[in-house]
Each structure stands twice: as structure tokens, then as C-alpha cells.
């Protein structure tokens, strides 16, 4: 199930901090700017909401981490989740199967970045698009969601080869709100 908060500007960080586990509070406070702290806390609270609604779990979740740093629920290894945030919104997906999610702001399109991260077919679709920034953000979130599902992350993967066409990906473009998100579920 997807949980989304796209009103980060009005997210009350002071009221949220006492609701975080000590583990998450420590991570949250490592962000230098309040915006990052808001996003981090809001994402965690979405996870709490999802666990409460989907599984009746009311205590704040604690994390353990997989080989590549993917967070797992310490006390509920059978429940899968993934979090993502950007300055416009935060998103959480809770599922019974492995899942990955990414959300990004529709930003200024940079062709040099597209050439570095996209294969020839993907680049051609971006260049042919009437809105290259949207097309790029869409493909980028798809790639990141796939990598987050596997737990490998962008540092250890060839970004050009991430999408094979066999992934179960759902992508939502919210142009009026300025963001795109993609969810990848294990088939």
C-alpha cells in the first residue's frame, strides 16, 4: 500500500520528533537543514501509519540493515517497505513482498546527466518528449525504484542497464505538484 504526504511545507517537525524512535531521531538529526529533517521524519511517520493500518502494529519500528544498507524491519522481517523523499513530497510503500520506491522533483533537464545515466533508447525517448524534464524524472524514478527493490543502490550499478522491461513498475507523474514517483514490486 502506498502512503504519500505532499504537504511537507506545513509538516510540523516539532510535533513529529517525539513520535520517532530514538534510532530514527538520531538519523533525522544528522540532516544539516530543517527541510531534510522534515522529509526524514515525515517518511518515518508514513511508515508508522502504514504499519498501523496494514498490520495493526502501533509501536515505532526499529530498523536493521541488509548487505547493501537497505533498511529492514527488525521485529517484522516478513513485512517489506521502502521510503523516499524529495523537497515536494515523501512516499512510503508497505507490502508483503520486496518493494522499491523513488520520488523526485521535476527539475531542470540536463542533457549531460541524461546521456550519462540513460541508454540510447531511453535518451531518444527523452529527447523526443515535449517535456524532457518530466520524461527524465519518470525514467530516473523507475531506475531508482528497481535498484531500491534489489537493495543495490545507484553506486554499484550501471544506470544505463537497470531497466530490462520485465519489471513491475507503476509510475505517477504529478506535474501540477512538481514531482514523479515510481514503485517497483517483486513479481
N, C-alpha and C. Protein backbone atom coordinates (compact mmCIF):
# COMPACT_ATOMS: atom_id res chain seq x y z
N UNK A 1 0.84 -1.18 0.00
CA UNK A 1 0.00 0.00 0.00
C UNK A 1 0.89 1.24 0.00
N UNK A 2 0.47 2.23 -0.73
CA UNK A 2 1.21 3.48 -0.87
C UNK A 2 0.69 4.51 0.12
N UNK A 3 1.62 5.22 0.75
CA UNK A 3 1.31 6.33 1.64
C UNK A 3 2.13 7.52 1.17
N UNK A 4 1.49 8.68 1.03
CA UNK A 4 2.15 9.85 0.46
C UNK A 4 1.76 11.10 1.23
N UNK A 5 2.73 11.97 1.45
CA UNK A 5 2.48 13.28 2.05
C UNK A 5 3.14 14.31 1.15
N UNK A 6 2.33 15.12 0.48
CA UNK A 6 2.91 16.15 -0.38
C UNK A 6 2.62 17.56 0.14
N UNK A 7 2.56 17.65 1.46
CA UNK A 7 2.43 18.95 2.12
C UNK A 7 3.57 19.11 3.13
N UNK A 8 4.77 18.89 2.66
CA UNK A 8 5.95 18.94 3.53
C UNK A 8 6.17 20.35 4.08
N UNK A 9 5.78 21.35 3.32
CA UNK A 9 5.95 22.74 3.76
C UNK A 9 5.26 22.99 5.11
N UNK A 10 4.13 22.33 5.34
CA UNK A 10 3.38 22.53 6.57
C UNK A 10 3.57 21.40 7.58
N UNK A 11 4.48 20.50 7.32
CA UNK A 11 4.75 19.40 8.25
C UNK A 11 5.37 19.97 9.52
N UNK A 12 4.79 19.63 10.66
CA UNK A 12 5.22 20.17 11.95
C UNK A 12 6.31 19.28 12.54
N UNK A 13 7.54 19.64 12.32
CA UNK A 13 8.68 18.85 12.78
C UNK A 13 8.73 18.79 14.30
N UNK A 14 8.44 19.87 14.98
CA UNK A 14 8.50 19.89 16.45
C UNK A 14 7.52 18.88 17.04
N UNK A 15 6.33 18.80 16.49
CA UNK A 15 5.34 17.82 16.99
C UNK A 15 5.70 16.39 16.59
N UNK A 16 6.44 16.25 15.50
CA UNK A 16 6.77 14.91 14.99
C UNK A 16 7.93 14.27 15.74
N UNK A 17 8.90 15.05 16.17
CA UNK A 17 10.12 14.49 16.77
C UNK A 17 9.85 13.52 17.92
N UNK A 18 8.95 13.81 18.86
CA UNK A 18 8.70 12.86 19.96
C UNK A 18 8.08 11.54 19.51
N UNK A 19 7.55 11.49 18.28
CA UNK A 19 6.91 10.28 17.76
C UNK A 19 7.91 9.32 17.12
N UNK A 20 9.14 9.79 16.93
CA UNK A 20 10.16 8.97 16.26
C UNK A 20 10.83 8.04 17.27
N UNK A 21 11.26 6.88 16.80
CA UNK A 21 12.08 6.02 17.65
C UNK A 21 13.40 6.74 17.89
N UNK A 22 14.13 6.37 18.92
CA UNK A 22 15.43 7.02 19.18
C UNK A 22 16.37 6.78 18.01
N UNK A 23 16.27 5.63 17.39
CA UNK A 23 17.10 5.31 16.22
C UNK A 23 16.80 6.28 15.07
N UNK A 24 15.52 6.49 14.79
CA UNK A 24 15.15 7.38 13.69
C UNK A 24 15.42 8.84 14.04
N UNK A 25 15.24 9.21 15.30
CA UNK A 25 15.52 10.57 15.73
C UNK A 25 17.00 10.90 15.50
N UNK A 26 17.86 9.96 15.84
CA UNK A 26 19.29 10.17 15.63
C UNK A 26 19.59 10.37 14.14
N UNK A 27 18.98 9.55 13.29
CA UNK A 27 19.20 9.69 11.85
C UNK A 27 18.64 11.02 11.36
N UNK A 28 17.47 11.38 11.83
CA UNK A 28 16.81 12.61 11.42
C UNK A 28 17.67 13.83 11.76
N UNK A 29 18.24 13.84 12.94
CA UNK A 29 19.02 14.99 13.39
C UNK A 29 20.37 15.11 12.69
N UNK A 30 20.77 14.10 11.94
CA UNK A 30 22.01 14.18 11.18
C UNK A 30 21.87 15.08 9.96
N UNK A 31 20.63 15.36 9.55
CA UNK A 31 20.42 16.27 8.43
C UNK A 31 20.79 17.68 8.88
N UNK A 32 21.52 18.36 8.05
CA UNK A 32 22.01 19.70 8.39
C UNK A 32 20.88 20.74 8.40
N UNK A 33 19.95 20.60 7.45
CA UNK A 33 18.90 21.60 7.30
C UNK A 33 17.55 21.04 7.76
N UNK A 34 16.69 21.94 8.19
CA UNK A 34 15.37 21.54 8.68
C UNK A 34 14.56 20.83 7.61
N UNK A 35 14.70 21.21 6.35
CA UNK A 35 13.94 20.57 5.27
C UNK A 35 14.24 19.07 5.21
N UNK A 36 15.50 18.69 5.29
CA UNK A 36 15.87 17.28 5.30
C UNK A 36 15.32 16.56 6.51
N UNK A 37 15.32 17.23 7.65
CA UNK A 37 14.77 16.64 8.87
C UNK A 37 13.26 16.41 8.73
N UNK A 38 12.58 17.39 8.14
CA UNK A 38 11.15 17.25 7.90
C UNK A 38 10.86 16.03 7.01
N UNK A 39 11.58 15.95 5.92
CA UNK A 39 11.36 14.85 4.98
C UNK A 39 11.62 13.51 5.64
N UNK A 40 12.71 13.41 6.40
CA UNK A 40 13.07 12.17 7.07
C UNK A 40 12.01 11.76 8.09
N UNK A 41 11.58 12.70 8.90
CA UNK A 41 10.57 12.41 9.92
C UNK A 41 9.22 12.09 9.28
N UNK A 42 8.85 12.82 8.26
CA UNK A 42 7.57 12.58 7.59
C UNK A 42 7.53 11.20 6.95
N UNK A 43 8.64 10.78 6.34
CA UNK A 43 8.69 9.46 5.73
C UNK A 43 8.53 8.37 6.79
N UNK A 44 9.21 8.53 7.91
CA UNK A 44 9.11 7.55 9.00
C UNK A 44 7.68 7.48 9.54
N UNK A 45 7.03 8.63 9.69
CA UNK A 45 5.66 8.63 10.20
C UNK A 45 4.68 8.01 9.20
N UNK A 46 4.98 8.13 7.90
CA UNK A 46 4.16 7.42 6.92
C UNK A 46 4.32 5.91 7.09
N UNK A 47 5.55 5.46 7.35
CA UNK A 47 5.78 4.05 7.61
C UNK A 47 4.99 3.60 8.84
N UNK A 48 5.03 4.39 9.89
CA UNK A 48 4.27 4.07 11.10
C UNK A 48 2.78 3.94 10.79
N UNK A 49 2.27 4.88 9.99
CA UNK A 49 0.86 4.84 9.60
C UNK A 49 0.55 3.58 8.79
N UNK A 50 1.42 3.26 7.86
CA UNK A 50 1.23 2.07 7.05
C UNK A 50 1.24 0.79 7.87
N UNK A 51 2.19 0.69 8.79
CA UNK A 51 2.26 -0.50 9.65
C UNK A 51 1.02 -0.62 10.55
N UNK A 52 0.54 0.52 11.02
CA UNK A 52 -0.66 0.53 11.86
C UNK A 52 -1.88 0.10 11.04
N UNK A 53 -2.04 0.67 9.86
CA UNK A 53 -3.22 0.37 9.05
C UNK A 53 -3.18 -1.03 8.45
N UNK A 54 -2.03 -1.45 7.98
CA UNK A 54 -1.93 -2.73 7.28
C UNK A 54 -1.77 -3.92 8.21
N UNK A 55 -1.08 -3.72 9.33
CA UNK A 55 -0.72 -4.85 10.19
C UNK A 55 -1.10 -4.67 11.66
N UNK A 56 -1.68 -3.54 12.02
CA UNK A 56 -2.06 -3.30 13.42
C UNK A 56 -0.87 -3.09 14.34
N UNK A 57 0.28 -2.73 13.79
CA UNK A 57 1.49 -2.51 14.59
C UNK A 57 1.50 -1.05 15.05
N UNK A 58 1.54 -0.84 16.36
CA UNK A 58 1.46 0.53 16.86
C UNK A 58 2.77 1.05 17.44
N UNK A 59 3.71 0.18 17.76
CA UNK A 59 4.98 0.67 18.31
C UNK A 59 5.87 1.19 17.18
N UNK A 60 6.68 2.20 17.47
CA UNK A 60 7.58 2.74 16.44
C UNK A 60 8.56 1.65 15.96
N UNK A 61 8.66 1.47 14.66
CA UNK A 61 9.52 0.42 14.14
C UNK A 61 11.00 0.74 14.30
N UNK A 62 11.77 -0.31 14.51
CA UNK A 62 13.23 -0.21 14.54
C UNK A 62 13.76 -0.91 13.29
N UNK A 63 14.89 -0.40 12.81
CA UNK A 63 15.46 -0.94 11.58
C UNK A 63 16.71 -1.76 11.86
N UNK A 64 16.92 -2.70 10.99
CA UNK A 64 18.19 -3.36 10.81
C UNK A 64 18.50 -3.14 9.33
N UNK A 65 19.71 -3.48 8.89
CA UNK A 65 20.06 -3.14 7.52
C UNK A 65 20.65 -4.34 6.80
N UNK A 66 20.26 -4.50 5.54
CA UNK A 66 20.75 -5.58 4.70
C UNK A 66 22.18 -5.33 4.26
N UNK A 67 22.69 -6.24 3.45
CA UNK A 67 24.08 -6.19 2.99
C UNK A 67 24.46 -4.86 2.34
N UNK A 68 23.56 -4.28 1.57
CA UNK A 68 23.86 -3.03 0.88
C UNK A 68 23.23 -1.81 1.55
N UNK A 69 22.82 -1.99 2.80
CA UNK A 69 22.27 -0.86 3.55
C UNK A 69 20.77 -0.68 3.44
N UNK A 70 20.07 -1.58 2.74
CA UNK A 70 18.61 -1.46 2.64
C UNK A 70 18.00 -1.69 4.01
N UNK A 71 17.15 -0.76 4.46
CA UNK A 71 16.54 -0.93 5.79
C UNK A 71 15.49 -2.05 5.78
N UNK A 72 15.48 -2.77 6.88
CA UNK A 72 14.52 -3.85 7.10
C UNK A 72 13.91 -3.63 8.48
N UNK A 73 12.71 -4.14 8.69
CA UNK A 73 12.08 -4.01 10.00
C UNK A 73 12.65 -5.06 10.93
N UNK A 74 13.27 -4.61 11.99
CA UNK A 74 13.97 -5.50 12.92
C UNK A 74 13.05 -6.59 13.47
N UNK A 75 11.85 -6.24 13.89
CA UNK A 75 10.96 -7.20 14.54
C UNK A 75 9.95 -7.85 13.59
N UNK A 76 9.94 -7.42 12.34
CA UNK A 76 8.95 -7.94 11.38
C UNK A 76 9.62 -8.18 10.02
N UNK A 77 10.51 -9.17 9.94
CA UNK A 77 11.25 -9.39 8.69
C UNK A 77 10.36 -9.80 7.51
N UNK A 78 9.13 -10.22 7.77
CA UNK A 78 8.22 -10.62 6.69
C UNK A 78 7.50 -9.43 6.06
N UNK A 79 7.61 -8.26 6.68
CA UNK A 79 6.97 -7.05 6.14
C UNK A 79 8.04 -6.26 5.38
N UNK A 80 7.71 -5.91 4.16
CA UNK A 80 8.64 -5.15 3.32
C UNK A 80 8.15 -3.71 3.18
N UNK A 81 9.09 -2.79 3.08
CA UNK A 81 8.73 -1.38 2.92
C UNK A 81 9.87 -0.67 2.20
N UNK A 82 9.57 0.51 1.74
CA UNK A 82 10.59 1.37 1.18
C UNK A 82 10.11 2.80 1.31
N UNK A 83 11.05 3.71 1.53
CA UNK A 83 10.77 5.13 1.73
C UNK A 83 11.55 5.95 0.72
N UNK A 84 11.00 7.09 0.36
CA UNK A 84 11.72 8.04 -0.48
C UNK A 84 11.17 9.44 -0.18
N UNK A 85 12.03 10.43 -0.36
CA UNK A 85 11.57 11.80 -0.14
C UNK A 85 12.31 12.77 -1.03
N UNK A 86 11.64 13.86 -1.31
CA UNK A 86 12.22 15.00 -2.02
C UNK A 86 11.61 16.24 -1.38
N UNK A 87 11.99 17.40 -1.82
CA UNK A 87 11.51 18.62 -1.15
C UNK A 87 10.02 18.86 -1.33
N UNK A 88 9.38 18.19 -2.27
CA UNK A 88 7.95 18.38 -2.53
C UNK A 88 7.07 17.36 -1.81
N UNK A 89 7.61 16.15 -1.56
CA UNK A 89 6.76 15.09 -1.01
C UNK A 89 7.60 13.96 -0.45
N UNK A 90 6.95 13.15 0.37
CA UNK A 90 7.55 11.91 0.87
C UNK A 90 6.59 10.78 0.55
N UNK A 91 7.15 9.59 0.35
CA UNK A 91 6.34 8.44 -0.01
C UNK A 91 6.86 7.21 0.72
N UNK A 92 5.93 6.33 1.06
CA UNK A 92 6.25 5.07 1.71
C UNK A 92 5.38 3.99 1.07
N UNK A 93 5.97 2.84 0.83
CA UNK A 93 5.22 1.68 0.35
C UNK A 93 5.46 0.55 1.34
N UNK A 94 4.36 -0.09 1.76
CA UNK A 94 4.40 -1.23 2.66
C UNK A 94 3.77 -2.40 1.91
N UNK A 95 4.44 -3.56 1.92
CA UNK A 95 3.96 -4.68 1.14
C UNK A 95 4.39 -6.00 1.77
N UNK A 96 3.78 -7.07 1.35
CA UNK A 96 4.17 -8.41 1.82
C UNK A 96 5.33 -8.97 1.00
N UNK A 97 5.68 -8.29 -0.09
CA UNK A 97 6.79 -8.70 -0.95
C UNK A 97 7.80 -7.55 -1.06
N UNK A 98 9.03 -7.85 -1.42
CA UNK A 98 10.02 -6.78 -1.59
C UNK A 98 9.51 -5.69 -2.54
N UNK A 99 9.86 -4.46 -2.21
CA UNK A 99 9.36 -3.31 -2.94
C UNK A 99 10.42 -2.21 -2.93
N UNK A 100 10.38 -1.38 -3.96
CA UNK A 100 11.24 -0.20 -4.03
C UNK A 100 10.42 0.99 -4.49
N UNK A 101 10.74 2.16 -3.99
CA UNK A 101 10.02 3.37 -4.39
C UNK A 101 11.01 4.52 -4.48
N UNK A 102 10.75 5.40 -5.42
CA UNK A 102 11.55 6.63 -5.52
C UNK A 102 10.64 7.77 -5.92
N UNK A 103 10.91 8.93 -5.35
CA UNK A 103 10.18 10.15 -5.69
C UNK A 103 11.21 11.23 -5.96
N UNK A 104 10.96 12.01 -7.01
CA UNK A 104 11.88 13.07 -7.40
C UNK A 104 11.10 14.30 -7.84
N UNK A 105 11.70 15.44 -7.63
CA UNK A 105 11.16 16.70 -8.13
C UNK A 105 11.39 16.73 -9.64
N UNK A 106 10.42 17.27 -10.34
CA UNK A 106 10.62 17.51 -11.77
C UNK A 106 11.48 18.76 -11.86
N UNK A 107 12.74 18.57 -12.11
CA UNK A 107 13.69 19.68 -12.08
C UNK A 107 14.07 20.14 -13.47
N UNK A 108 15.11 20.93 -13.50
CA UNK A 108 15.64 21.42 -14.76
C UNK A 108 16.31 20.26 -15.49
N UNK A 109 16.00 20.07 -16.74
CA UNK A 109 16.56 18.98 -17.52
C UNK A 109 18.00 19.29 -17.90
N UNK A 110 18.88 18.32 -17.65
CA UNK A 110 20.29 18.44 -18.01
C UNK A 110 20.64 17.29 -18.96
N UNK A 111 20.85 17.62 -20.21
CA UNK A 111 21.13 16.57 -21.20
C UNK A 111 22.40 15.80 -20.87
N UNK A 112 23.39 16.44 -20.30
CA UNK A 112 24.63 15.73 -19.95
C UNK A 112 24.36 14.62 -18.93
N UNK A 113 23.49 14.88 -17.96
CA UNK A 113 23.13 13.86 -16.97
C UNK A 113 22.34 12.74 -17.63
N UNK A 114 21.43 13.09 -18.51
CA UNK A 114 20.65 12.08 -19.23
C UNK A 114 21.58 11.18 -20.05
N UNK A 115 22.54 11.76 -20.74
CA UNK A 115 23.48 10.96 -21.55
C UNK A 115 24.31 10.02 -20.67
N UNK A 116 24.60 10.44 -19.45
CA UNK A 116 25.41 9.63 -18.54
C UNK A 116 24.60 8.48 -17.91
N UNK A 117 23.31 8.70 -17.70
CA UNK A 117 22.51 7.73 -16.94
C UNK A 117 21.53 6.90 -17.78
N UNK A 118 21.26 7.31 -19.00
CA UNK A 118 20.24 6.64 -19.81
C UNK A 118 20.88 5.90 -20.98
N UNK A 119 20.27 4.78 -21.36
CA UNK A 119 20.75 4.08 -22.55
C UNK A 119 20.22 4.80 -23.79
N UNK A 120 20.62 4.35 -24.96
CA UNK A 120 20.27 5.05 -26.21
C UNK A 120 18.76 5.15 -26.43
N UNK A 121 18.04 4.09 -26.14
CA UNK A 121 16.59 4.08 -26.32
C UNK A 121 15.91 5.06 -25.35
N UNK A 122 16.35 5.04 -24.10
CA UNK A 122 15.78 5.94 -23.09
C UNK A 122 16.09 7.39 -23.44
N UNK A 123 17.32 7.64 -23.86
CA UNK A 123 17.72 9.00 -24.23
C UNK A 123 16.89 9.49 -25.42
N UNK A 124 16.68 8.63 -26.39
CA UNK A 124 15.87 9.02 -27.56
C UNK A 124 14.45 9.38 -27.13
N UNK A 125 13.88 8.63 -26.19
CA UNK A 125 12.52 8.94 -25.75
C UNK A 125 12.48 10.27 -24.99
N UNK A 126 13.52 10.57 -24.24
CA UNK A 126 13.58 11.86 -23.53
C UNK A 126 13.70 12.99 -24.53
N UNK A 127 14.60 12.84 -25.49
CA UNK A 127 14.83 13.90 -26.49
C UNK A 127 13.61 14.12 -27.37
N UNK A 128 12.81 13.08 -27.59
CA UNK A 128 11.61 13.20 -28.42
C UNK A 128 10.42 13.74 -27.64
N UNK A 129 10.53 13.78 -26.33
CA UNK A 129 9.42 14.21 -25.49
C UNK A 129 9.22 15.72 -25.57
N UNK A 130 7.97 16.17 -25.54
CA UNK A 130 7.72 17.62 -25.47
C UNK A 130 8.11 18.19 -24.11
N UNK A 131 8.29 17.31 -23.11
CA UNK A 131 8.69 17.73 -21.77
C UNK A 131 9.84 16.85 -21.29
N UNK A 132 11.05 17.13 -21.75
CA UNK A 132 12.20 16.28 -21.40
C UNK A 132 12.43 16.16 -19.90
N UNK A 133 12.17 17.21 -19.14
CA UNK A 133 12.38 17.14 -17.69
C UNK A 133 11.45 16.10 -17.05
N UNK A 134 10.22 16.03 -17.51
CA UNK A 134 9.27 15.05 -17.00
C UNK A 134 9.68 13.65 -17.43
N UNK A 135 10.05 13.50 -18.69
CA UNK A 135 10.46 12.18 -19.20
C UNK A 135 11.70 11.68 -18.45
N UNK A 136 12.65 12.58 -18.20
CA UNK A 136 13.86 12.18 -17.46
C UNK A 136 13.50 11.76 -16.04
N UNK A 137 12.70 12.57 -15.34
CA UNK A 137 12.33 12.26 -13.95
C UNK A 137 11.58 10.93 -13.89
N UNK A 138 10.73 10.68 -14.86
CA UNK A 138 9.99 9.42 -14.90
C UNK A 138 10.94 8.23 -14.99
N UNK A 139 11.86 8.28 -15.94
CA UNK A 139 12.82 7.18 -16.11
C UNK A 139 13.76 7.06 -14.91
N UNK A 140 14.18 8.19 -14.38
CA UNK A 140 15.09 8.17 -13.23
C UNK A 140 14.41 7.48 -12.04
N UNK A 141 13.16 7.84 -11.75
CA UNK A 141 12.48 7.22 -10.60
C UNK A 141 12.26 5.73 -10.84
N UNK A 142 12.01 5.35 -12.08
CA UNK A 142 11.84 3.93 -12.39
C UNK A 142 13.13 3.17 -12.08
N UNK A 143 14.25 3.72 -12.52
CA UNK A 143 15.55 3.07 -12.29
C UNK A 143 15.84 2.98 -10.79
N UNK A 144 15.61 4.07 -10.10
CA UNK A 144 15.89 4.07 -8.66
C UNK A 144 14.99 3.12 -7.90
N UNK A 145 13.74 3.03 -8.28
CA UNK A 145 12.82 2.11 -7.62
C UNK A 145 13.28 0.66 -7.81
N UNK A 146 13.75 0.34 -9.01
CA UNK A 146 14.27 -1.01 -9.28
C UNK A 146 15.49 -1.29 -8.40
N UNK A 147 16.39 -0.33 -8.33
CA UNK A 147 17.60 -0.51 -7.52
C UNK A 147 17.28 -0.59 -6.04
N UNK A 148 16.32 0.18 -5.59
CA UNK A 148 15.94 0.13 -4.18
C UNK A 148 15.23 -1.18 -3.83
N UNK A 149 14.48 -1.72 -4.79
CA UNK A 149 13.87 -3.03 -4.57
C UNK A 149 14.95 -4.08 -4.32
N UNK A 150 15.97 -4.07 -5.15
CA UNK A 150 17.04 -5.07 -5.03
C UNK A 150 17.98 -4.76 -3.86
N UNK A 151 18.00 -3.50 -3.43
CA UNK A 151 18.88 -3.12 -2.34
C UNK A 151 20.29 -2.80 -2.78
N UNK A 152 20.52 -2.74 -4.09
CA UNK A 152 21.89 -2.49 -4.57
C UNK A 152 22.26 -1.02 -4.56
N UNK A 153 21.33 -0.14 -4.87
CA UNK A 153 21.63 1.29 -4.90
C UNK A 153 22.35 1.71 -6.15
N UNK A 154 22.40 3.02 -6.39
CA UNK A 154 22.97 3.52 -7.64
C UNK A 154 24.48 3.47 -7.68
N UNK A 155 25.13 3.38 -6.56
CA UNK A 155 26.59 3.42 -6.53
C UNK A 155 27.22 2.17 -7.13
N UNK A 156 26.54 1.04 -7.07
CA UNK A 156 27.15 -0.21 -7.52
C UNK A 156 26.55 -0.73 -8.83
N UNK A 157 25.74 0.05 -9.48
CA UNK A 157 25.06 -0.43 -10.67
C UNK A 157 25.36 0.46 -11.87
N UNK A 158 25.27 -0.14 -13.05
CA UNK A 158 25.33 0.64 -14.27
C UNK A 158 23.93 1.18 -14.53
N UNK A 159 23.77 2.46 -14.41
CA UNK A 159 22.44 3.06 -14.52
C UNK A 159 21.82 2.86 -15.90
N UNK A 160 22.64 2.77 -16.91
CA UNK A 160 22.11 2.60 -18.26
C UNK A 160 21.42 1.26 -18.45
N UNK A 161 21.81 0.26 -17.67
CA UNK A 161 21.32 -1.10 -17.87
C UNK A 161 20.30 -1.55 -16.83
N UNK A 162 19.77 -0.66 -16.04
CA UNK A 162 18.90 -1.03 -14.93
C UNK A 162 17.56 -1.58 -15.40
N UNK A 163 16.92 -0.88 -16.33
CA UNK A 163 15.59 -1.28 -16.77
C UNK A 163 15.69 -2.32 -17.89
N UNK A 164 15.06 -3.47 -17.66
CA UNK A 164 15.12 -4.55 -18.65
C UNK A 164 13.79 -4.74 -19.37
N UNK A 165 12.73 -4.13 -18.85
CA UNK A 165 11.41 -4.30 -19.44
C UNK A 165 10.60 -5.38 -18.76
N UNK A 166 11.22 -6.12 -17.86
CA UNK A 166 10.49 -7.20 -17.18
C UNK A 166 10.04 -6.79 -15.77
N UNK A 167 10.32 -5.57 -15.36
CA UNK A 167 9.98 -5.11 -14.02
C UNK A 167 8.50 -4.75 -13.92
N UNK A 168 7.96 -4.90 -12.72
CA UNK A 168 6.59 -4.48 -12.44
C UNK A 168 6.66 -3.09 -11.81
N UNK A 169 6.58 -2.07 -12.65
CA UNK A 169 6.75 -0.68 -12.21
C UNK A 169 5.48 0.11 -12.47
N UNK A 170 5.07 0.87 -11.46
CA UNK A 170 3.98 1.83 -11.60
C UNK A 170 4.58 3.21 -11.40
N UNK A 171 4.31 4.11 -12.32
CA UNK A 171 4.84 5.47 -12.23
C UNK A 171 3.69 6.47 -12.27
N UNK A 172 3.78 7.47 -11.40
CA UNK A 172 2.77 8.53 -11.34
C UNK A 172 3.49 9.86 -11.53
N UNK A 173 3.01 10.64 -12.47
CA UNK A 173 3.55 11.98 -12.74
C UNK A 173 2.55 12.99 -12.22
N UNK A 174 2.97 13.79 -11.26
CA UNK A 174 2.14 14.86 -10.71
C UNK A 174 2.74 16.20 -11.14
N UNK A 175 2.51 16.55 -12.42
CA UNK A 175 3.12 17.77 -12.96
C UNK A 175 2.69 19.01 -12.19
N UNK A 176 1.42 19.08 -11.82
CA UNK A 176 0.92 20.28 -11.13
C UNK A 176 1.56 20.43 -9.74
N UNK A 177 2.01 19.31 -9.16
CA UNK A 177 2.64 19.35 -7.85
C UNK A 177 4.16 19.30 -7.94
N UNK A 178 4.67 19.05 -9.14
CA UNK A 178 6.11 19.14 -9.37
C UNK A 178 6.92 17.91 -9.01
N UNK A 179 6.31 16.72 -8.99
CA UNK A 179 7.08 15.52 -8.68
C UNK A 179 6.59 14.31 -9.46
N UNK A 180 7.45 13.29 -9.47
CA UNK A 180 7.17 12.00 -10.10
C UNK A 180 7.57 10.93 -9.10
N UNK A 181 6.79 9.86 -9.01
CA UNK A 181 7.25 8.72 -8.21
C UNK A 181 6.99 7.42 -8.96
N UNK A 182 7.83 6.44 -8.66
CA UNK A 182 7.70 5.11 -9.23
C UNK A 182 7.82 4.07 -8.12
N UNK A 183 7.02 3.01 -8.28
CA UNK A 183 7.04 1.89 -7.35
C UNK A 183 7.37 0.64 -8.15
N UNK A 184 8.32 -0.15 -7.65
CA UNK A 184 8.67 -1.40 -8.28
C UNK A 184 8.43 -2.52 -7.27
N UNK A 185 7.61 -3.49 -7.67
CA UNK A 185 7.31 -4.62 -6.80
C UNK A 185 7.93 -5.89 -7.37
N UNK A 186 8.30 -6.76 -6.49
CA UNK A 186 8.82 -8.05 -6.92
C UNK A 186 7.70 -8.85 -7.56
N UNK A 187 7.99 -9.42 -8.70
CA UNK A 187 6.99 -10.22 -9.42
C UNK A 187 6.95 -11.62 -8.84
